[in-house]
Amino acid sequence: WTSIFWLSMVEGGQASLVGLPPIDRTLYEASHPLTHRCTSLAHKGDNLDRYLIGRQFMVVLIVFVTNLSGAPLADAEVL
């Protein structure tokens, strides 16, 4: 369950970072200072592209590990 929760956090973070660039950062600077700092760093230069590529590798790893942990045993029998 931990890996599925982690995957949901990774996907949610990606949706937030990709969706926020067209929004003026001053709108949420006072109400959400941590979000403002994170998006200021993520949207500088090509950091967002680097994050998206790294996130994709992490998603593949999480799904692979989740699949391994839920795989049946080699000598398991079906009812």
Protein backbone atom coordinates (compact mmCIF):
# COMPACT_ATOMS: atom_id res chain seq x y z
CA TRP A 1 0.00 0.00 0.00
CA THR A 2 2.90 2.30 0.62
CA SER A 3 4.02 2.15 -3.00
CA ILE A 4 0.51 2.92 -4.26
CA PHE A 5 0.31 5.90 -1.89
CA TRP A 6 3.75 7.04 -3.08
CA LEU A 7 2.63 6.69 -6.71
CA SER A 8 -0.44 8.83 -6.04
CA MET A 9 1.74 11.53 -4.45
CA VAL A 10 4.13 11.50 -7.43
CA GLU A 11 1.25 11.77 -9.91
CA GLY A 12 -0.46 14.51 -7.91
CA GLY A 13 2.75 16.52 -7.70
CA GLN A 14 3.24 16.21 -11.43
CA ALA A 15 -0.30 17.40 -12.13
CA SER A 16 0.21 20.41 -9.86
CA LEU A 17 3.56 21.42 -11.31
CA VAL A 18 2.39 21.08 -14.90
CA GLY A 19 -0.90 22.90 -14.23
CA LEU A 20 0.49 25.91 -12.34
CA PRO A 21 2.83 27.64 -14.88
CA PRO A 22 0.08 29.75 -16.51
CA ILE A 23 -1.13 30.96 -13.07
CA ASP A 24 0.40 34.17 -11.72
CA ARG A 25 2.55 33.16 -8.74
CA THR A 26 1.74 36.32 -6.80
CA LEU A 27 -1.85 35.06 -6.41
CA TYR A 28 -0.78 32.31 -4.00
CA GLU A 29 2.47 33.77 -2.64
CA ALA A 30 0.95 34.93 0.68
CA SER A 31 -1.57 32.12 1.20
CA HIS A 32 0.70 29.20 0.15
CA PRO A 33 4.36 30.21 0.69
CA LEU A 34 5.74 26.66 0.43
CA THR A 35 3.97 26.12 -2.89
CA HIS A 36 5.32 29.44 -4.11
CA ARG A 37 8.90 28.44 -3.24
CA CYS A 38 8.55 24.99 -4.85
CA THR A 39 7.02 26.30 -8.06
CA SER A 40 9.56 29.14 -8.29
CA LEU A 41 12.33 26.54 -8.27
CA ALA A 42 10.54 24.02 -10.50
CA HIS A 43 9.57 26.55 -13.17
CA LYS A 44 13.04 28.09 -13.46
CA GLY A 45 14.87 27.17 -16.66
CA ASP A 46 14.42 23.57 -17.75
CA ASN A 47 13.86 22.19 -14.23
CA LEU A 48 10.29 21.15 -15.03
CA ASP A 49 11.42 19.06 -18.01
CA ARG A 50 14.09 17.40 -15.87
CA TYR A 51 11.55 16.70 -13.14
CA LEU A 52 9.10 15.12 -15.62
CA ILE A 53 11.75 12.80 -17.05
CA GLY A 54 12.95 11.75 -13.60
CA ARG A 55 9.36 11.31 -12.42
CA GLN A 56 8.66 8.98 -15.33
CA PHE A 57 11.57 6.73 -14.34
CA MET A 58 10.35 6.75 -10.74
CA VAL A 59 6.80 5.81 -11.83
CA VAL A 60 8.19 2.85 -13.81
CA LEU A 61 10.19 1.75 -10.76
CA ILE A 62 7.21 2.06 -8.40
CA VAL A 63 4.90 0.12 -10.73
CA PHE A 64 7.56 -2.56 -11.26
CA VAL A 65 8.14 -3.00 -7.50
CA THR A 66 4.38 -3.04 -6.85
CA ASN A 67 3.96 -5.70 -9.51
CA LEU A 68 6.75 -7.81 -7.99
CA SER A 69 5.32 -7.56 -4.50
CA GLY A 70 1.87 -8.65 -5.69
CA ALA A 71 3.03 -11.42 -8.04
CA PRO A 72 1.96 -15.01 -7.30
CA LEU A 73 4.45 -17.59 -6.08
CA ALA A 74 5.98 -19.92 -8.65
CA ASP A 75 4.42 -23.08 -7.14
CA ALA A 76 1.00 -21.54 -6.34
CA GLU A 77 -2.10 -23.46 -7.39
CA VAL A 78 -5.39 -22.01 -8.52
CA LEU A 79 -8.45 -23.16 -6.58
